[in-house]
């Protein structure tokens, strides 16, 4: 579903709803959260993530980093 009223912040092309992966790195920890809901550029692939969803993804990563996880992959669950 193309979102005609939203333009890519980088290339100004149209955006559409989709999913992206987000990687968090700190010291020895790498946390990858897959299938994060986002708005994606149809041209360059730039992803824009809603602030509420971003906060949830960050909370997941923060929790796992505090546990001392070195490398972990998660599926995003709304």
PDB file of N, CA and C in Angstrom:
ATOM      1  N   UNK A   1       0.843  -1.179   0.000  1.00  0.00           N
ATOM      2  CA  UNK A   1       0.000   0.000   0.000  1.00  0.00           C
ATOM      3  C   UNK A   1       0.890   1.245   0.000  1.00  0.00           C
ATOM      4  N   UNK A   2       0.940   1.937  -1.090  1.00  0.00           N
ATOM      5  CA  UNK A   2       1.765   3.139  -1.212  1.00  0.00           C
ATOM      6  C   UNK A   2       1.101   4.286  -0.466  1.00  0.00           C
ATOM      7  N   UNK A   3       1.917   5.017   0.277  1.00  0.00           N
ATOM      8  CA  UNK A   3       1.431   6.153   1.053  1.00  0.00           C
ATOM      9  C   UNK A   3       1.807   7.425   0.283  1.00  0.00           C
ATOM     10  N   UNK A   4       0.875   7.931  -0.495  1.00  0.00           N
ATOM     11  CA  UNK A   4       1.151   9.047  -1.389  1.00  0.00           C
ATOM     12  C   UNK A   4       1.483  10.345  -0.669  1.00  0.00           C
ATOM     13  N   UNK A   5       0.964  10.550   0.530  1.00  0.00           N
ATOM     14  CA  UNK A   5       1.199  11.809   1.225  1.00  0.00           C
ATOM     15  C   UNK A   5       2.513  11.810   2.013  1.00  0.00           C
ATOM     16  N   UNK A   6       3.192  10.688   2.075  1.00  0.00           N
ATOM     17  CA  UNK A   6       4.456  10.632   2.796  1.00  0.00           C
ATOM     18  C   UNK A   6       5.590  10.418   1.802  1.00  0.00           C
ATOM     19  N   UNK A   7       6.634  11.222   1.917  1.00  0.00           N
ATOM     20  CA  UNK A   7       7.780  11.134   1.032  1.00  0.00           C
ATOM     21  C   UNK A   7       9.020  10.737   1.819  1.00  0.00           C
ATOM     22  N   UNK A   8       9.908  10.028   1.164  1.00  0.00           N
ATOM     23  CA  UNK A   8      11.157   9.591   1.773  1.00  0.00           C
ATOM     24  C   UNK A   8      11.982  10.806   2.200  1.00  0.00           C
ATOM     25  N   UNK A   9      12.518  10.778   3.422  1.00  0.00           N
ATOM     26  CA  UNK A   9      13.342  11.898   3.872  1.00  0.00           C
ATOM     27  C   UNK A   9      14.673  12.004   3.113  1.00  0.00           C
ATOM     28  N   UNK A  10      15.084  10.930   2.439  1.00  0.00           N
ATOM     29  CA  UNK A  10      16.354  10.960   1.706  1.00  0.00           C
ATOM     30  C   UNK A  10      16.189  11.283   0.228  1.00  0.00           C
ATOM     31  N   UNK A  11      15.329  10.525  -0.461  1.00  0.00           N
ATOM     32  CA  UNK A  11      15.240  10.683  -1.919  1.00  0.00           C
ATOM     33  C   UNK A  11      13.914  11.266  -2.403  1.00  0.00           C
ATOM     34  N   UNK A  12      12.991  11.488  -1.478  1.00  0.00           N
ATOM     35  CA  UNK A  12      11.684  12.111  -1.774  1.00  0.00           C
ATOM     36  C   UNK A  12      10.746  11.233  -2.595  1.00  0.00           C
ATOM     37  N   UNK A  13      11.017   9.923  -2.685  1.00  0.00           N
ATOM     38  CA  UNK A  13      10.116   8.998  -3.378  1.00  0.00           C
ATOM     39  C   UNK A  13       8.947   8.625  -2.477  1.00  0.00           C
ATOM     40  N   UNK A  14       7.990   7.901  -3.030  1.00  0.00           N
ATOM     41  CA  UNK A  14       6.832   7.458  -2.260  1.00  0.00           C
ATOM     42  C   UNK A  14       7.239   6.421  -1.221  1.00  0.00           C
ATOM     43  N   UNK A  15       6.416   6.321  -0.185  1.00  0.00           N
ATOM     44  CA  UNK A  15       6.661   5.373   0.898  1.00  0.00           C
ATOM     45  C   UNK A  15       5.485   4.393   0.967  1.00  0.00           C
ATOM     46  N   UNK A  16       5.750   3.194   1.508  1.00  0.00           N
ATOM     47  CA  UNK A  16       4.688   2.211   1.697  1.00  0.00           C
ATOM     48  C   UNK A  16       4.898   1.476   3.007  1.00  0.00           C
ATOM     49  N   UNK A  17       3.802   0.925   3.555  1.00  0.00           N
ATOM     50  CA  UNK A  17       3.900   0.160   4.799  1.00  0.00           C
ATOM     51  C   UNK A  17       4.689  -1.112   4.538  1.00  0.00           C
ATOM     52  N   UNK A  18       5.480  -1.497   5.531  1.00  0.00           N
ATOM     53  CA  UNK A  18       6.280  -2.704   5.406  1.00  0.00           C
ATOM     54  C   UNK A  18       6.931  -3.066   6.720  1.00  0.00           C
ATOM     55  N   UNK A  19       7.995  -3.813   6.647  1.00  0.00           N
ATOM     56  CA  UNK A  19       8.726  -4.271   7.827  1.00  0.00           C
ATOM     57  C   UNK A  19      10.219  -4.124   7.569  1.00  0.00           C
ATOM     58  N   UNK A  20      10.956  -3.882   8.634  1.00  0.00           N
ATOM     59  CA  UNK A  20      12.406  -3.765   8.531  1.00  0.00           C
ATOM     60  C   UNK A  20      13.044  -4.434   9.740  1.00  0.00           C
ATOM     61  N   UNK A  21      14.334  -4.642   9.676  1.00  0.00           N
ATOM     62  CA  UNK A  21      15.093  -5.161  10.810  1.00  0.00           C
ATOM     63  C   UNK A  21      15.849  -3.999  11.439  1.00  0.00           C
ATOM     64  N   UNK A  22      15.958  -4.024  12.763  1.00  0.00           N
ATOM     65  CA  UNK A  22      16.660  -2.971  13.491  1.00  0.00           C
ATOM     66  C   UNK A  22      17.778  -3.628  14.298  1.00  0.00           C
ATOM     67  N   UNK A  23      18.979  -3.082  14.190  1.00  0.00           N
ATOM     68  CA  UNK A  23      20.133  -3.619  14.906  1.00  0.00           C
ATOM     69  C   UNK A  23      20.591  -2.624  15.960  1.00  0.00           C
ATOM     70  N   UNK A  24      20.776  -3.113  17.173  1.00  0.00           N
ATOM     71  CA  UNK A  24      21.301  -2.315  18.279  1.00  0.00           C
ATOM     72  C   UNK A  24      22.656  -2.884  18.647  1.00  0.00           C
ATOM     73  N   UNK A  25      23.650  -2.022  18.820  1.00  0.00           N
ATOM     74  CA  UNK A  25      24.999  -2.452  19.217  1.00  0.00           C
ATOM     75  C   UNK A  25      25.469  -1.610  20.388  1.00  0.00           C
ATOM     76  N   UNK A  26      26.004  -2.280  21.375  1.00  0.00           N
ATOM     77  CA  UNK A  26      26.616  -1.585  22.507  1.00  0.00           C
ATOM     78  C   UNK A  26      27.672  -2.509  23.097  1.00  0.00           C
ATOM     79  N   UNK A  27      28.873  -1.981  23.208  1.00  0.00           N
ATOM     80  CA  UNK A  27      30.013  -2.752  23.714  1.00  0.00           C
ATOM     81  C   UNK A  27      30.066  -4.102  23.018  1.00  0.00           C
ATOM     82  N   UNK A  28      29.872  -5.214  23.731  1.00  0.00           N
ATOM     83  CA  UNK A  28      29.978  -6.542  23.126  1.00  0.00           C
ATOM     84  C   UNK A  28      28.630  -7.102  22.674  1.00  0.00           C
ATOM     85  N   UNK A  29      27.549  -6.385  22.882  1.00  0.00           N
ATOM     86  CA  UNK A  29      26.211  -6.885  22.551  1.00  0.00           C
ATOM     87  C   UNK A  29      25.741  -6.411  21.185  1.00  0.00           C
ATOM     88  N   UNK A  30      25.133  -7.340  20.452  1.00  0.00           N
ATOM     89  CA  UNK A  30      24.456  -7.026  19.195  1.00  0.00           C
ATOM     90  C   UNK A  30      23.078  -7.676  19.269  1.00  0.00           C
ATOM     91  N   UNK A  31      22.045  -6.845  19.163  1.00  0.00           N
ATOM     92  CA  UNK A  31      20.668  -7.323  19.214  1.00  0.00           C
ATOM     93  C   UNK A  31      20.015  -6.944  17.885  1.00  0.00           C
ATOM     94  N   UNK A  32      19.443  -7.938  17.196  1.00  0.00           N
ATOM     95  CA  UNK A  32      18.746  -7.693  15.940  1.00  0.00           C
ATOM     96  C   UNK A  32      17.273  -8.010  16.161  1.00  0.00           C
ATOM     97  N   UNK A  33      16.420  -7.026  15.895  1.00  0.00           N
ATOM     98  CA  UNK A  33      14.982  -7.228  16.015  1.00  0.00           C
ATOM     99  C   UNK A  33      14.417  -7.221  14.604  1.00  0.00           C
ATOM    100  N   UNK A  34      13.832  -8.348  14.224  1.00  0.00           N
ATOM    101  CA  UNK A  34      13.335  -8.543  12.865  1.00  0.00           C
ATOM    102  C   UNK A  34      11.855  -8.191  12.755  1.00  0.00           C
ATOM    103  N   UNK A  35      11.434  -7.855  11.560  1.00  0.00           N
ATOM    104  CA  UNK A  35      10.027  -7.607  11.230  1.00  0.00           C
ATOM    105  C   UNK A  35       9.404  -6.484  12.046  1.00  0.00           C
ATOM    106  N   UNK A  36      10.141  -5.387  12.194  1.00  0.00           N
ATOM    107  CA  UNK A  36       9.633  -4.208  12.890  1.00  0.00           C
ATOM    108  C   UNK A  36       8.742  -3.438  11.904  1.00  0.00           C
ATOM    109  N   UNK A  37       7.473  -3.177  12.277  1.00  0.00           N
ATOM    110  CA  UNK A  37       6.593  -2.413  11.386  1.00  0.00           C
ATOM    111  C   UNK A  37       7.187  -1.042  11.083  1.00  0.00           C
ATOM    112  N   UNK A  38       7.125  -0.647   9.823  1.00  0.00           N
ATOM    113  CA  UNK A  38       7.723   0.618   9.419  1.00  0.00           C
ATOM    114  C   UNK A  38       7.080   1.118   8.134  1.00  0.00           C
ATOM    115  N   UNK A  39       7.510   2.274   7.721  1.00  0.00           N
ATOM    116  CA  UNK A  39       7.147   2.830   6.422  1.00  0.00           C
ATOM    117  C   UNK A  39       8.440   2.819   5.601  1.00  0.00           C
ATOM    118  N   UNK A  40       8.411   2.200   4.413  1.00  0.00           N
ATOM    119  CA  UNK A  40       9.612   2.003   3.609  1.00  0.00           C
ATOM    120  C   UNK A  40       9.543   2.785   2.302  1.00  0.00           C
ATOM    121  N   UNK A  41      10.670   3.325   1.894  1.00  0.00           N
ATOM    122  CA  UNK A  41      10.770   4.006   0.606  1.00  0.00           C
ATOM    123  C   UNK A  41      10.765   2.965  -0.511  1.00  0.00           C
ATOM    124  N   UNK A  42       9.932   3.191  -1.520  1.00  0.00           N
ATOM    125  CA  UNK A  42       9.864   2.253  -2.649  1.00  0.00           C
ATOM    126  C   UNK A  42      11.089   2.357  -3.543  1.00  0.00           C
ATOM    127  N   UNK A  43      11.854   3.439  -3.415  1.00  0.00           N
ATOM    128  CA  UNK A  43      13.021   3.649  -4.260  1.00  0.00           C
ATOM    129  C   UNK A  43      14.325   3.214  -3.587  1.00  0.00           C
ATOM    130  N   UNK A  44      14.623   3.788  -2.413  1.00  0.00           N
ATOM    131  CA  UNK A  44      15.928   3.545  -1.786  1.00  0.00           C
ATOM    132  C   UNK A  44      15.878   2.604  -0.577  1.00  0.00           C
ATOM    133  N   UNK A  45      14.667   2.291  -0.094  1.00  0.00           N
ATOM    134  CA  UNK A  45      14.544   1.353   1.015  1.00  0.00           C
ATOM    135  C   UNK A  45      14.673   1.967   2.397  1.00  0.00           C
ATOM    136  N   UNK A  46      14.841   3.289   2.501  1.00  0.00           N
ATOM    137  CA  UNK A  46      14.926   3.955   3.800  1.00  0.00           C
ATOM    138  C   UNK A  46      13.684   3.620   4.627  1.00  0.00           C
ATOM    139  N   UNK A  47      13.881   3.310   5.905  1.00  0.00           N
ATOM    140  CA  UNK A  47      12.770   2.954   6.791  1.00  0.00           C
ATOM    141  C   UNK A  47      12.508   4.068   7.798  1.00  0.00           C
ATOM    142  N   UNK A  48      11.232   4.333   8.026  1.00  0.00           N
ATOM    143  CA  UNK A  48      10.799   5.272   9.047  1.00  0.00           C
ATOM    144  C   UNK A  48       9.951   4.468  10.031  1.00  0.00           C
ATOM    145  N   UNK A  49      10.313   4.564  11.322  1.00  0.00           N
ATOM    146  CA  UNK A  49       9.633   3.779  12.352  1.00  0.00           C
ATOM    147  C   UNK A  49       8.913   4.717  13.303  1.00  0.00           C
ATOM    148  N   UNK A  50       7.664   4.408  13.590  1.00  0.00           N
ATOM    149  CA  UNK A  50       6.848   5.168  14.527  1.00  0.00           C
ATOM    150  C   UNK A  50       7.539   5.211  15.894  1.00  0.00           C
ATOM    151  N   UNK A  51       7.406   6.322  16.610  1.00  0.00           N
ATOM    152  CA  UNK A  51       8.115   6.483  17.886  1.00  0.00           C
ATOM    153  C   UNK A  51       7.689   5.452  18.928  1.00  0.00           C
ATOM    154  N   UNK A  52       6.420   5.086  18.970  1.00  0.00           N
ATOM    155  CA  UNK A  52       5.954   4.084  19.943  1.00  0.00           C
ATOM    156  C   UNK A  52       6.578   2.724  19.650  1.00  0.00           C
ATOM    157  N   UNK A  53       6.629   2.349  18.394  1.00  0.00           N
ATOM    158  CA  UNK A  53       7.238   1.075  18.000  1.00  0.00           C
ATOM    159  C   UNK A  53       8.737   1.111  18.257  1.00  0.00           C
ATOM    160  N   UNK A  54       9.356   2.234  17.969  1.00  0.00           N
ATOM    161  CA  UNK A  54      10.785   2.401  18.220  1.00  0.00           C
ATOM    162  C   UNK A  54      11.105   2.232  19.707  1.00  0.00           C
ATOM    163  N   UNK A  55      10.285   2.809  20.562  1.00  0.00           N
ATOM    164  CA  UNK A  55      10.491   2.682  22.009  1.00  0.00           C
ATOM    165  C   UNK A  55      10.365   1.236  22.463  1.00  0.00           C
ATOM    166  N   UNK A  56       9.411   0.481  21.894  1.00  0.00           N
ATOM    167  CA  UNK A  56       9.257  -0.935  22.248  1.00  0.00           C
ATOM    168  C   UNK A  56      10.484  -1.738  21.826  1.00  0.00           C
ATOM    169  N   UNK A  57      10.972  -1.473  20.607  1.00  0.00           N
ATOM    170  CA  UNK A  57      12.158  -2.180  20.121  1.00  0.00           C
ATOM    171  C   UNK A  57      13.370  -1.851  20.993  1.00  0.00           C
ATOM    172  N   UNK A  58      13.525  -0.585  21.345  1.00  0.00           N
ATOM    173  CA  UNK A  58      14.638  -0.167  22.201  1.00  0.00           C
ATOM    174  C   UNK A  58      14.550  -0.839  23.571  1.00  0.00           C
ATOM    175  N   UNK A  59      13.343  -0.942  24.132  1.00  0.00           N
ATOM    176  CA  UNK A  59      13.168  -1.582  25.443  1.00  0.00           C
ATOM    177  C   UNK A  59      13.576  -3.058  25.390  1.00  0.00           C
ATOM    178  N   UNK A  60      13.233  -3.739  24.312  1.00  0.00           N
ATOM    179  CA  UNK A  60      13.634  -5.139  24.141  1.00  0.00           C
ATOM    180  C   UNK A  60      15.157  -5.238  24.113  1.00  0.00           C
ATOM    181  N   UNK A  61      15.787  -4.400  23.303  1.00  0.00           N
ATOM    182  CA  UNK A  61      17.247  -4.431  23.172  1.00  0.00           C
ATOM    183  C   UNK A  61      17.925  -4.094  24.496  1.00  0.00           C
ATOM    184  N   UNK A  62      17.424  -3.082  25.167  1.00  0.00           N
ATOM    185  CA  UNK A  62      18.006  -2.664  26.451  1.00  0.00           C
ATOM    186  C   UNK A  62      17.944  -3.798  27.476  1.00  0.00           C
ATOM    187  N   UNK A  63      16.795  -4.463  27.537  1.00  0.00           N
ATOM    188  CA  UNK A  63      16.619  -5.584  28.475  1.00  0.00           C
ATOM    189  C   UNK A  63      17.638  -6.690  28.194  1.00  0.00           C
ATOM    190  N   UNK A  64      17.807  -7.026  26.936  1.00  0.00           N
ATOM    191  CA  UNK A  64      18.710  -8.119  26.581  1.00  0.00           C
ATOM    192  C   UNK A  64      20.173  -7.738  26.784  1.00  0.00           C
ATOM    193  N   UNK A  65      20.513  -6.488  26.524  1.00  0.00           N
ATOM    194  CA  UNK A  65      21.890  -6.046  26.753  1.00  0.00           C
ATOM    195  C   UNK A  65      22.237  -6.088  28.235  1.00  0.00           C
ATOM    196  N   UNK A  66      21.277  -5.722  29.075  1.00  0.00           N
ATOM    197  CA  UNK A  66      21.503  -5.774  30.526  1.00  0.00           C
ATOM    198  C   UNK A  66      21.699  -7.208  31.010  1.00  0.00           C
ATOM    199  N   UNK A  67      21.087  -8.160  30.294  1.00  0.00           N
ATOM    200  CA  UNK A  67      21.273  -9.575  30.637  1.00  0.00           C
ATOM    201  C   UNK A  67      22.641 -10.086  30.193  1.00  0.00           C
ATOM    202  N   UNK A  68      23.359  -9.293  29.390  1.00  0.00           N
ATOM    203  CA  UNK A  68      24.690  -9.693  28.947  1.00  0.00           C
ATOM    204  C   UNK A  68      24.704 -10.476  27.653  1.00  0.00           C
ATOM    205  N   UNK A  69      23.614 -10.410  26.904  1.00  0.00           N
ATOM    206  CA  UNK A  69      23.543 -11.120  25.631  1.00  0.00           C
ATOM    207  C   UNK A  69      24.611 -10.579  24.682  1.00  0.00           C
ATOM    208  N   UNK A  70      25.308 -11.480  24.005  1.00  0.00           N
ATOM    209  CA  UNK A  70      26.340 -11.080  23.056  1.00  0.00           C
ATOM    210  C   UNK A  70      25.733 -10.900  21.664  1.00  0.00           C
ATOM    211  N   UNK A  71      24.971 -11.879  21.193  1.00  0.00           N
ATOM    212  CA  UNK A  71      24.304 -11.806  19.900  1.00  0.00           C
ATOM    213  C   UNK A  71      22.950 -12.480  20.020  1.00  0.00           C
ATOM    214  N   UNK A  72      21.903 -11.765  19.629  1.00  0.00           N
ATOM    215  CA  UNK A  72      20.558 -12.327  19.742  1.00  0.00           C
ATOM    216  C   UNK A  72      19.685 -11.760  18.643  1.00  0.00           C
ATOM    217  N   UNK A  73      18.781 -12.609  18.123  1.00  0.00           N
ATOM    218  CA  UNK A  73      17.799 -12.212  17.116  1.00  0.00           C
ATOM    219  C   UNK A  73      16.408 -12.387  17.709  1.00  0.00           C
ATOM    220  N   UNK A  74      15.551 -11.402  17.515  1.00  0.00           N
ATOM    221  CA  UNK A  74      14.177 -11.441  18.008  1.00  0.00           C
ATOM    222  C   UNK A  74      13.230 -11.079  16.882  1.00  0.00           C
ATOM    223  N   UNK A  75      12.032 -11.646  16.910  1.00  0.00           N
ATOM    224  CA  UNK A  75      10.948 -11.192  16.033  1.00  0.00           C
ATOM    225  C   UNK A  75      10.178 -10.145  16.823  1.00  0.00           C
ATOM    226  N   UNK A  76       9.856  -9.028  16.191  1.00  0.00           N
ATOM    227  CA  UNK A  76       9.103  -7.980  16.854  1.00  0.00           C
ATOM    228  C   UNK A  76       7.668  -8.450  17.047  1.00  0.00           C
ATOM    229  N   UNK A  77       7.149  -8.285  18.255  1.00  0.00           N
ATOM    230  CA  UNK A  77       5.757  -8.615  18.554  1.00  0.00           C
ATOM    231  C   UNK A  77       5.081  -7.374  19.095  1.00  0.00           C
ATOM    232  N   UNK A  78       4.049  -6.929  18.393  1.00  0.00           N
ATOM    233  CA  UNK A  78       3.362  -5.685  18.783  1.00  0.00           C
ATOM    234  C   UNK A  78       2.659  -5.822  20.052  1.00  0.00           C
TER     235      UNK A  78
END
